[in-house]
């Protein structure tokens, strides 16, 4: 009976571990935004709000550091 519990516990932990690995594999990076200060109008680029008094001032950027994603042009060879 004890060995059955150990096997069951090992199976449960393996399942939980596999779930965490799958969730991490599907995770995507957070988008970047420009944030504008309500006090002096200064803009800053960040993934999350710098704090109270800041409002989002742009649409989401997919590239790092508020840079647009590169466009890749594929030219077929003849």
PDB file of N, CA and C in Angstrom:
ATOM      1  N   UNK A   1       0.824  -1.201   0.000  1.00  0.00           N
ATOM      2  CA  UNK A   1       0.000   0.000   0.000  1.00  0.00           C
ATOM      3  C   UNK A   1       0.864   1.258   0.000  1.00  0.00           C
ATOM      4  N   UNK A   2       1.991   1.182   0.725  1.00  0.00           N
ATOM      5  CA  UNK A   2       2.863   2.346   0.804  1.00  0.00           C
ATOM      6  C   UNK A   2       3.510   2.643  -0.554  1.00  0.00           C
ATOM      7  N   UNK A   3       3.925   1.616  -1.274  1.00  0.00           N
ATOM      8  CA  UNK A   3       4.547   1.831  -2.573  1.00  0.00           C
ATOM      9  C   UNK A   3       3.547   2.431  -3.564  1.00  0.00           C
ATOM     10  N   UNK A   4       2.269   2.068  -3.464  1.00  0.00           N
ATOM     11  CA  UNK A   4       1.244   2.654  -4.326  1.00  0.00           C
ATOM     12  C   UNK A   4       1.142   4.150  -4.072  1.00  0.00           C
ATOM     13  N   UNK A   5       1.193   4.570  -2.817  1.00  0.00           N
ATOM     14  CA  UNK A   5       1.128   5.995  -2.487  1.00  0.00           C
ATOM     15  C   UNK A   5       2.339   6.741  -3.036  1.00  0.00           C
ATOM     16  N   UNK A   6       3.512   6.127  -2.943  1.00  0.00           N
ATOM     17  CA  UNK A   6       4.716   6.769  -3.461  1.00  0.00           C
ATOM     18  C   UNK A   6       4.647   6.924  -4.981  1.00  0.00           C
ATOM     19  N   UNK A   7       4.160   5.892  -5.642  1.00  0.00           N
ATOM     20  CA  UNK A   7       4.029   5.969  -7.098  1.00  0.00           C
ATOM     21  C   UNK A   7       3.010   7.034  -7.480  1.00  0.00           C
ATOM     22  N   UNK A   8       1.896   7.077  -6.778  1.00  0.00           N
ATOM     23  CA  UNK A   8       0.857   8.058  -7.055  1.00  0.00           C
ATOM     24  C   UNK A   8       1.370   9.480  -6.815  1.00  0.00           C
ATOM     25  N   UNK A   9       2.115   9.667  -5.731  1.00  0.00           N
ATOM     26  CA  UNK A   9       2.659  10.990  -5.411  1.00  0.00           C
ATOM     27  C   UNK A   9       3.673  11.419  -6.485  1.00  0.00           C
ATOM     28  N   UNK A  10       4.521  10.496  -6.922  1.00  0.00           N
ATOM     29  CA  UNK A  10       5.493  10.810  -7.966  1.00  0.00           C
ATOM     30  C   UNK A  10       4.779  11.165  -9.275  1.00  0.00           C
ATOM     31  N   UNK A  11       3.735  10.439  -9.602  1.00  0.00           N
ATOM     32  CA  UNK A  11       2.951  10.740 -10.800  1.00  0.00           C
ATOM     33  C   UNK A  11       2.307  12.116 -10.699  1.00  0.00           C
ATOM     34  N   UNK A  12       1.770  12.452  -9.537  1.00  0.00           N
ATOM     35  CA  UNK A  12       1.125  13.755  -9.358  1.00  0.00           C
ATOM     36  C   UNK A  12       2.138  14.880  -9.521  1.00  0.00           C
ATOM     37  N   UNK A  13       3.319  14.750  -8.919  1.00  0.00           N
ATOM     38  CA  UNK A  13       4.335  15.791  -9.047  1.00  0.00           C
ATOM     39  C   UNK A  13       4.847  15.898 -10.485  1.00  0.00           C
ATOM     40  N   UNK A  14       4.972  14.786 -11.173  1.00  0.00           N
ATOM     41  CA  UNK A  14       5.401  14.815 -12.566  1.00  0.00           C
ATOM     42  C   UNK A  14       4.366  15.527 -13.426  1.00  0.00           C
ATOM     43  N   UNK A  15       3.091  15.309 -13.150  1.00  0.00           N
ATOM     44  CA  UNK A  15       2.023  15.977 -13.890  1.00  0.00           C
ATOM     45  C   UNK A  15       2.046  17.485 -13.638  1.00  0.00           C
ATOM     46  N   UNK A  16       2.229  17.872 -12.385  1.00  0.00           N
ATOM     47  CA  UNK A  16       2.302  19.298 -12.057  1.00  0.00           C
ATOM     48  C   UNK A  16       3.512  19.931 -12.735  1.00  0.00           C
ATOM     49  N   UNK A  17       4.642  19.251 -12.696  1.00  0.00           N
ATOM     50  CA  UNK A  17       5.845  19.775 -13.345  1.00  0.00           C
ATOM     51  C   UNK A  17       5.670  19.922 -14.843  1.00  0.00           C
ATOM     52  N   UNK A  18       5.048  18.938 -15.469  1.00  0.00           N
ATOM     53  CA  UNK A  18       4.801  19.015 -16.907  1.00  0.00           C
ATOM     54  C   UNK A  18       3.854  20.170 -17.230  1.00  0.00           C
ATOM     55  N   UNK A  19       2.885  20.399 -16.373  1.00  0.00           N
ATOM     56  CA  UNK A  19       1.964  21.523 -16.578  1.00  0.00           C
ATOM     57  C   UNK A  19       2.686  22.860 -16.518  1.00  0.00           C
ATOM     58  N   UNK A  20       3.604  23.008 -15.569  1.00  0.00           N
ATOM     59  CA  UNK A  20       4.374  24.251 -15.466  1.00  0.00           C
ATOM     60  C   UNK A  20       5.267  24.451 -16.679  1.00  0.00           C
ATOM     61  N   UNK A  21       5.886  23.387 -17.162  1.00  0.00           N
ATOM     62  CA  UNK A  21       6.743  23.490 -18.340  1.00  0.00           C
ATOM     63  C   UNK A  21       5.924  23.897 -19.561  1.00  0.00           C
ATOM     64  N   UNK A  22       4.752  23.315 -19.729  1.00  0.00           N
ATOM     65  CA  UNK A  22       3.893  23.659 -20.868  1.00  0.00           C
ATOM     66  C   UNK A  22       3.420  25.108 -20.780  1.00  0.00           C
ATOM     67  N   UNK A  23       3.058  25.539 -19.579  1.00  0.00           N
ATOM     68  CA  UNK A  23       2.604  26.915 -19.410  1.00  0.00           C
ATOM     69  C   UNK A  23       3.733  27.893 -19.711  1.00  0.00           C
ATOM     70  N   UNK A  24       4.938  27.575 -19.297  1.00  0.00           N
ATOM     71  CA  UNK A  24       6.077  28.453 -19.567  1.00  0.00           C
ATOM     72  C   UNK A  24       6.399  28.488 -21.061  1.00  0.00           C
ATOM     73  N   UNK A  25       6.220  27.376 -21.738  1.00  0.00           N
ATOM     74  CA  UNK A  25       6.513  27.325 -23.173  1.00  0.00           C
ATOM     75  C   UNK A  25       5.523  28.163 -23.976  1.00  0.00           C
ATOM     76  N   UNK A  26       4.312  28.311 -23.496  1.00  0.00           N
ATOM     77  CA  UNK A  26       3.288  29.072 -24.207  1.00  0.00           C
ATOM     78  C   UNK A  26       3.259  30.542 -23.821  1.00  0.00           C
ATOM     79  N   UNK A  27       4.040  30.930 -22.828  1.00  0.00           N
ATOM     80  CA  UNK A  27       4.035  32.312 -22.363  1.00  0.00           C
ATOM     81  C   UNK A  27       4.641  33.228 -23.420  1.00  0.00           C
ATOM     82  N   UNK A  28       4.071  34.402 -23.558  1.00  0.00           N
ATOM     83  CA  UNK A  28       4.566  35.387 -24.510  1.00  0.00           C
ATOM     84  C   UNK A  28       5.104  36.594 -23.739  1.00  0.00           C
ATOM     85  N   UNK A  29       6.038  37.323 -24.314  1.00  0.00           N
ATOM     86  CA  UNK A  29       6.547  38.506 -23.626  1.00  0.00           C
ATOM     87  C   UNK A  29       5.473  39.591 -23.537  1.00  0.00           C
ATOM     88  N   UNK A  30       5.563  40.398 -22.526  1.00  0.00           N
ATOM     89  CA  UNK A  30       4.603  41.485 -22.343  1.00  0.00           C
ATOM     90  C   UNK A  30       4.850  42.571 -23.381  1.00  0.00           C
ATOM     91  N   UNK A  31       3.799  43.205 -23.885  1.00  0.00           N
ATOM     92  CA  UNK A  31       3.982  44.278 -24.865  1.00  0.00           C
ATOM     93  C   UNK A  31       4.550  45.539 -24.208  1.00  0.00           C
ATOM     94  N   UNK A  32       5.160  46.389 -25.006  1.00  0.00           N
ATOM     95  CA  UNK A  32       5.721  47.659 -24.546  1.00  0.00           C
ATOM     96  C   UNK A  32       4.751  48.787 -24.887  1.00  0.00           C
ATOM     97  N   UNK A  33       4.714  49.807 -24.042  1.00  0.00           N
ATOM     98  CA  UNK A  33       3.842  50.967 -24.251  1.00  0.00           C
ATOM     99  C   UNK A  33       4.612  52.243 -23.941  1.00  0.00           C
ATOM    100  N   UNK A  34       4.162  53.354 -24.552  1.00  0.00           N
ATOM    101  CA  UNK A  34       4.609  54.666 -24.089  1.00  0.00           C
ATOM    102  C   UNK A  34       3.649  55.104 -22.994  1.00  0.00           C
ATOM    103  N   UNK A  35       4.205  55.614 -21.911  1.00  0.00           N
ATOM    104  CA  UNK A  35       3.423  56.122 -20.785  1.00  0.00           C
ATOM    105  C   UNK A  35       3.696  57.612 -20.656  1.00  0.00           C
ATOM    106  N   UNK A  36       2.636  58.406 -20.432  1.00  0.00           N
ATOM    107  CA  UNK A  36       2.758  59.861 -20.316  1.00  0.00           C
ATOM    108  C   UNK A  36       2.434  60.294 -18.901  1.00  0.00           C
ATOM    109  N   UNK A  37       3.284  61.175 -18.370  1.00  0.00           N
ATOM    110  CA  UNK A  37       3.073  61.693 -17.024  1.00  0.00           C
ATOM    111  C   UNK A  37       1.944  62.723 -17.044  1.00  0.00           C
ATOM    112  N   UNK A  38       1.056  62.641 -16.076  1.00  0.00           N
ATOM    113  CA  UNK A  38      -0.028  63.623 -15.972  1.00  0.00           C
ATOM    114  C   UNK A  38       0.459  64.911 -15.317  1.00  0.00           C
ATOM    115  N   UNK A  39       1.664  64.880 -14.750  1.00  0.00           N
ATOM    116  CA  UNK A  39       2.199  66.066 -14.082  1.00  0.00           C
ATOM    117  C   UNK A  39       2.884  66.997 -15.070  1.00  0.00           C
ATOM    118  N   UNK A  40       3.859  66.474 -15.839  1.00  0.00           N
ATOM    119  CA  UNK A  40       4.621  67.339 -16.734  1.00  0.00           C
ATOM    120  C   UNK A  40       4.598  66.902 -18.198  1.00  0.00           C
ATOM    121  N   UNK A  41       3.856  65.846 -18.538  1.00  0.00           N
ATOM    122  CA  UNK A  41       3.729  65.405 -19.919  1.00  0.00           C
ATOM    123  C   UNK A  41       4.908  64.605 -20.439  1.00  0.00           C
ATOM    124  N   UNK A  42       5.866  64.282 -19.593  1.00  0.00           N
ATOM    125  CA  UNK A  42       7.026  63.502 -20.017  1.00  0.00           C
ATOM    126  C   UNK A  42       6.590  62.103 -20.420  1.00  0.00           C
ATOM    127  N   UNK A  43       7.257  61.550 -21.465  1.00  0.00           N
ATOM    128  CA  UNK A  43       6.922  60.202 -21.936  1.00  0.00           C
ATOM    129  C   UNK A  43       8.052  59.251 -21.614  1.00  0.00           C
ATOM    130  N   UNK A  44       7.663  58.003 -21.303  1.00  0.00           N
ATOM    131  CA  UNK A  44       8.639  56.970 -21.015  1.00  0.00           C
ATOM    132  C   UNK A  44       8.140  55.664 -21.617  1.00  0.00           C
ATOM    133  N   UNK A  45       9.064  54.805 -22.019  1.00  0.00           N
ATOM    134  CA  UNK A  45       8.713  53.520 -22.607  1.00  0.00           C
ATOM    135  C   UNK A  45       8.898  52.431 -21.556  1.00  0.00           C
ATOM    136  N   UNK A  46       7.843  51.643 -21.298  1.00  0.00           N
ATOM    137  CA  UNK A  46       7.924  50.569 -20.306  1.00  0.00           C
ATOM    138  C   UNK A  46       6.842  49.536 -20.580  1.00  0.00           C
ATOM    139  N   UNK A  47       7.035  48.348 -20.013  1.00  0.00           N
ATOM    140  CA  UNK A  47       6.037  47.294 -20.175  1.00  0.00           C
ATOM    141  C   UNK A  47       4.888  47.454 -19.187  1.00  0.00           C
ATOM    142  N   UNK A  48       5.154  47.998 -18.032  1.00  0.00           N
ATOM    143  CA  UNK A  48       4.119  48.216 -17.017  1.00  0.00           C
ATOM    144  C   UNK A  48       4.115  49.685 -16.614  1.00  0.00           C
ATOM    145  N   UNK A  49       3.059  50.111 -15.977  1.00  0.00           N
ATOM    146  CA  UNK A  49       2.929  51.500 -15.563  1.00  0.00           C
ATOM    147  C   UNK A  49       4.050  51.884 -14.591  1.00  0.00           C
ATOM    148  N   UNK A  50       4.683  53.048 -14.801  1.00  0.00           N
ATOM    149  CA  UNK A  50       5.724  53.496 -13.878  1.00  0.00           C
ATOM    150  C   UNK A  50       5.177  53.858 -12.495  1.00  0.00           C
ATOM    151  N   UNK A  51       3.885  53.996 -12.368  1.00  0.00           N
ATOM    152  CA  UNK A  51       3.297  54.287 -11.056  1.00  0.00           C
ATOM    153  C   UNK A  51       2.076  55.172 -11.189  1.00  0.00           C
ATOM    154  N   UNK A  52       1.677  55.730 -10.057  1.00  0.00           N
ATOM    155  CA  UNK A  52       0.511  56.607 -10.038  1.00  0.00           C
ATOM    156  C   UNK A  52       0.835  57.885 -10.813  1.00  0.00           C
ATOM    157  N   UNK A  53      -0.126  58.406 -11.533  1.00  0.00           N
ATOM    158  CA  UNK A  53       0.063  59.635 -12.285  1.00  0.00           C
ATOM    159  C   UNK A  53       0.552  59.422 -13.702  1.00  0.00           C
ATOM    160  N   UNK A  54       0.603  58.182 -14.148  1.00  0.00           N
ATOM    161  CA  UNK A  54       1.026  57.875 -15.512  1.00  0.00           C
ATOM    162  C   UNK A  54      -0.133  57.231 -16.259  1.00  0.00           C
ATOM    163  N   UNK A  55      -0.347  57.632 -17.507  1.00  0.00           N
ATOM    164  CA  UNK A  55      -1.397  57.048 -18.344  1.00  0.00           C
ATOM    165  C   UNK A  55      -0.755  56.500 -19.616  1.00  0.00           C
ATOM    166  N   UNK A  56      -1.350  55.446 -20.150  1.00  0.00           N
ATOM    167  CA  UNK A  56      -0.839  54.840 -21.377  1.00  0.00           C
ATOM    168  C   UNK A  56      -1.078  55.793 -22.545  1.00  0.00           C
ATOM    169  N   UNK A  57      -0.037  55.998 -23.363  1.00  0.00           N
ATOM    170  CA  UNK A  57      -0.083  57.011 -24.405  1.00  0.00           C
ATOM    171  C   UNK A  57       0.086  56.440 -25.811  1.00  0.00           C
ATOM    172  N   UNK A  58       0.086  55.106 -25.952  1.00  0.00           N
ATOM    173  CA  UNK A  58       0.260  54.531 -27.282  1.00  0.00           C
ATOM    174  C   UNK A  58      -0.369  53.151 -27.334  1.00  0.00           C
ATOM    175  N   UNK A  59      -0.446  52.640 -28.541  1.00  0.00           N
ATOM    176  CA  UNK A  59      -0.866  51.252 -28.712  1.00  0.00           C
ATOM    177  C   UNK A  59       0.316  50.351 -28.363  1.00  0.00           C
ATOM    178  N   UNK A  60       0.071  49.071 -28.254  1.00  0.00           N
ATOM    179  CA  UNK A  60       1.116  48.130 -27.871  1.00  0.00           C
ATOM    180  C   UNK A  60       2.147  47.961 -28.984  1.00  0.00           C
ATOM    181  N   UNK A  61       3.411  47.898 -28.584  1.00  0.00           N
ATOM    182  CA  UNK A  61       4.499  47.587 -29.498  1.00  0.00           C
ATOM    183  C   UNK A  61       4.900  46.146 -29.245  1.00  0.00           C
ATOM    184  N   UNK A  62       5.158  45.394 -30.309  1.00  0.00           N
ATOM    185  CA  UNK A  62       5.570  44.000 -30.148  1.00  0.00           C
ATOM    186  C   UNK A  62       7.077  43.870 -30.019  1.00  0.00           C
ATOM    187  N   UNK A  63       7.807  44.850 -30.521  1.00  0.00           N
ATOM    188  CA  UNK A  63       9.260  44.807 -30.427  1.00  0.00           C
ATOM    189  C   UNK A  63       9.725  45.305 -29.068  1.00  0.00           C
ATOM    190  N   UNK A  64      10.970  45.032 -28.718  1.00  0.00           N
ATOM    191  CA  UNK A  64      11.487  45.492 -27.429  1.00  0.00           C
ATOM    192  C   UNK A  64      11.749  46.990 -27.430  1.00  0.00           C
ATOM    193  N   UNK A  65      11.514  47.622 -26.295  1.00  0.00           N
ATOM    194  CA  UNK A  65      11.830  49.036 -26.151  1.00  0.00           C
ATOM    195  C   UNK A  65      11.030  49.962 -27.026  1.00  0.00           C
ATOM    196  N   UNK A  66       9.766  49.692 -27.251  1.00  0.00           N
ATOM    197  CA  UNK A  66       8.862  50.540 -28.032  1.00  0.00           C
ATOM    198  C   UNK A  66       9.302  50.689 -29.484  1.00  0.00           C
ATOM    199  N   UNK A  67       9.903  49.669 -30.029  1.00  0.00           N
ATOM    200  CA  UNK A  67      10.264  49.669 -31.439  1.00  0.00           C
ATOM    201  C   UNK A  67       9.284  48.778 -32.175  1.00  0.00           C
ATOM    202  N   UNK A  68       8.842  49.214 -33.356  1.00  0.00           N
ATOM    203  CA  UNK A  68       7.916  48.359 -34.098  1.00  0.00           C
ATOM    204  C   UNK A  68       8.607  47.078 -34.542  1.00  0.00           C
ATOM    205  N   UNK A  69       7.818  46.053 -34.733  1.00  0.00           N
ATOM    206  CA  UNK A  69       8.350  44.767 -35.187  1.00  0.00           C
ATOM    207  C   UNK A  69       8.923  44.929 -36.590  1.00  0.00           C
ATOM    208  N   UNK A  70      10.068  44.293 -36.816  1.00  0.00           N
ATOM    209  CA  UNK A  70      10.696  44.354 -38.134  1.00  0.00           C
ATOM    210  C   UNK A  70       9.846  43.656 -39.169  1.00  0.00           C
ATOM    211  N   UNK A  71       9.785  44.250 -40.341  1.00  0.00           N
ATOM    212  CA  UNK A  71       9.082  43.613 -41.446  1.00  0.00           C
ATOM    213  C   UNK A  71      10.100  42.805 -42.245  1.00  0.00           C
ATOM    214  N   UNK A  72       9.798  41.580 -42.450  1.00  0.00           N
ATOM    215  CA  UNK A  72      10.682  40.703 -43.215  1.00  0.00           C
ATOM    216  C   UNK A  72      10.067  40.479 -44.585  1.00  0.00           C
ATOM    217  N   UNK A  73      10.843  40.768 -45.604  1.00  0.00           N
ATOM    218  CA  UNK A  73      10.372  40.589 -46.972  1.00  0.00           C
ATOM    219  C   UNK A  73      11.085  39.377 -47.545  1.00  0.00           C
ATOM    220  N   UNK A  74      10.323  38.410 -47.994  1.00  0.00           N
ATOM    221  CA  UNK A  74      10.874  37.198 -48.561  1.00  0.00           C
ATOM    222  C   UNK A  74      10.760  37.288 -50.072  1.00  0.00           C
ATOM    223  N   UNK A  75      11.909  37.231 -50.733  1.00  0.00           N
ATOM    224  CA  UNK A  75      11.945  37.297 -52.186  1.00  0.00           C
ATOM    225  C   UNK A  75      12.250  35.889 -52.693  1.00  0.00           C
ATOM    226  N   UNK A  76      11.342  35.297 -53.452  1.00  0.00           N
ATOM    227  CA  UNK A  76      11.606  33.932 -53.939  1.00  0.00           C
ATOM    228  C   UNK A  76      12.719  33.932 -54.985  1.00  0.00           C
ATOM    229  N   UNK A  77      13.535  32.891 -54.950  1.00  0.00           N
ATOM    230  CA  UNK A  77      14.593  32.722 -55.940  1.00  0.00           C
ATOM    231  C   UNK A  77      14.024  32.079 -57.186  1.00  0.00           C
ATOM    232  N   UNK A  78      14.559  32.432 -58.312  1.00  0.00           N
ATOM    233  CA  UNK A  78      14.064  31.865 -59.556  1.00  0.00           C
ATOM    234  C   UNK A  78      14.968  30.790 -60.042  1.00  0.00           C
TER     235      UNK A  78
END
